[in-house]
Protein backbone atom coordinates (compact mmCIF):
# COMPACT_ATOMS: atom_id res chain seq x y z
CA MET A 1 -19.67 8.95 19.59
CA SER A 2 -17.03 6.33 20.17
CA LYS A 3 -13.89 5.89 18.16
CA VAL A 4 -13.61 2.66 16.24
CA ASN A 5 -10.18 1.08 16.31
CA ARG A 6 -9.13 -0.05 12.92
CA VAL A 7 -6.18 -2.18 11.96
CA ILE A 8 -4.61 -0.97 8.74
CA SER A 9 -3.52 -3.77 6.49
CA LYS A 10 -0.18 -3.72 4.69
CA CYS A 11 -2.19 -4.17 1.49
CA GLU A 12 -4.23 -1.01 1.98
CA THR A 13 -3.80 2.15 -0.07
CA GLN A 14 -6.09 5.02 -0.94
CA ASP A 15 -9.25 3.33 -2.17
CA ASN A 16 -9.22 4.62 -5.74
CA LEU A 17 -5.51 5.26 -6.25
CA PHE A 18 -4.99 2.73 -9.01
CA SER A 19 -8.18 3.90 -10.74
CA ILE A 20 -6.83 7.45 -10.82
CA TYR A 21 -3.79 6.28 -12.76
CA CYS A 22 -5.91 4.11 -15.05
CA GLY A 23 -8.05 7.15 -15.81
CA LEU A 24 -5.03 9.33 -16.56
CA VAL A 25 -3.73 6.79 -19.06
CA ILE A 26 -7.11 6.21 -20.71
CA ARG A 27 -7.63 9.96 -21.13
CA LYS A 28 -4.12 10.38 -22.57
CA ILE A 29 -4.59 7.60 -25.13
CA ARG A 30 -8.10 8.81 -26.00
CA LYS A 31 -6.78 12.31 -26.70
CA GLU A 32 -3.86 10.92 -28.73
CA ASN A 33 -6.45 9.11 -30.86
CA GLY A 34 -8.43 12.34 -31.30
CA ILE A 35 -11.74 11.05 -29.99
CA THR A 36 -14.05 12.55 -27.40
CA ALA A 37 -15.03 10.93 -24.12
CA TYR A 38 -18.56 10.67 -25.52
CA GLU A 39 -17.35 8.75 -28.60
CA LEU A 40 -15.27 6.38 -26.49
CA ALA A 41 -18.16 5.83 -24.09
CA LYS A 42 -20.44 4.89 -27.00
CA LYS A 43 -17.86 2.35 -28.23
CA VAL A 44 -17.86 0.52 -24.87
CA ASN A 45 -21.59 0.99 -24.23
CA ILE A 46 -21.42 3.26 -21.17
CA SER A 47 -22.61 6.82 -20.56
CA GLN A 48 -20.37 9.81 -21.11
CA GLN A 49 -20.76 10.55 -17.39
CA GLN A 50 -19.42 7.11 -16.47
CA MET A 51 -16.51 7.60 -18.88
CA SER A 52 -15.76 10.90 -17.17
CA ARG A 53 -15.85 9.22 -13.75
CA TYR A 54 -13.40 6.57 -14.97
CA GLU A 55 -11.03 9.17 -16.41
CA ARG A 56 -11.09 11.20 -13.19
CA GLY A 57 -10.56 8.11 -11.02
CA ILE A 58 -13.84 8.58 -9.21
CA ASN A 59 -15.15 5.13 -10.16
CA LYS A 60 -13.01 2.01 -10.17
CA ILE A 61 -12.33 0.47 -13.57
CA SER A 62 -12.71 -3.29 -13.73
CA ILE A 63 -10.09 -5.27 -15.61
CA ASP A 64 -12.80 -6.21 -18.11
CA MET A 65 -13.66 -2.56 -18.75
CA LEU A 66 -9.99 -1.69 -19.03
CA PHE A 67 -9.64 -4.41 -21.66
CA ASN A 68 -12.76 -3.17 -23.51
CA LEU A 69 -11.33 0.34 -23.50
CA SER A 70 -8.04 -0.94 -24.91
CA VAL A 71 -9.93 -2.59 -27.78
CA ALA A 72 -12.03 0.54 -28.39
CA LEU A 73 -8.88 2.69 -28.38
CA ASP A 74 -7.08 0.22 -30.67
CA CYS A 75 -4.29 0.10 -28.11
CA PRO A 76 -2.71 -3.16 -26.94
CA PHE A 77 -3.80 -4.02 -23.41
CA GLU A 78 -0.18 -4.62 -22.42
CA ARG A 79 0.72 -1.06 -23.46
CA ILE A 80 -2.05 0.35 -21.26
CA ILE A 81 -0.79 -1.64 -18.27
CA LYS A 82 2.79 -0.49 -18.91
CA LEU A 83 1.68 3.14 -19.16
CA ILE A 84 -0.28 2.85 -15.91
CA ILE A 85 2.77 1.41 -14.15
CA ALA A 86 4.92 4.19 -15.62
CA GLU A 87 2.49 6.81 -14.23
CA VAL A 88 2.62 5.16 -10.81
CA GLN A 89 6.44 5.14 -10.93
CA LYS A 90 6.53 8.92 -11.52
CA SER A 91 4.56 9.91 -8.41
CA PRO A 92 6.34 10.66 -5.09
CA SER A 93 3.33 10.42 -2.69
CA ASP A 94 3.36 7.94 0.21
CA ASP A 95 0.28 6.12 -1.10
CA VAL A 96 1.91 5.74 -4.48
CA ILE A 97 5.15 4.50 -2.95
CA SER A 98 3.09 1.79 -1.25
CA LEU A 99 1.36 0.96 -4.55
CA ARG A 100 4.72 1.00 -6.35
CA ASN A 101 6.11 -1.53 -3.86
CA LYS A 102 3.12 -3.80 -4.45
CA ILE A 103 3.62 -3.62 -8.21
CA SER A 104 7.30 -4.45 -7.79
CA ALA A 105 6.37 -7.41 -5.60
CA SER A 106 3.97 -8.65 -8.25
CA ASP A 107 6.82 -8.66 -10.78
CA THR A 108 8.33 -11.58 -8.85
CA ILE A 109 5.23 -13.76 -9.21
CA TYR A 110 5.56 -16.39 -11.87
CA PHE A 111 2.62 -17.76 -13.81
CA TYR A 112 2.66 -21.40 -14.82
């Protein structure tokens, strides 16, 4: 078996790293609201298993699903994003430091 050389991009981090933090925040807000994963899943029309995968960071959450979850949780989308960024800021791992730097770089982008 031959080794495949692979160039690692500066943009690359652990494949599901951001999804892990999204899941942590969704679970936290869901529990604050006192609803089960099953109840939240029903509100956004997905299975309880899929909801569990999102919360554990196994499956990536699309921005659309993240928005739908914010509506179902009656939580402003902006608050969810801020909480995700706050979770990323707390972690000391190398992958998270890379993700943190990307988030900081995105703060300098201006939308017209």
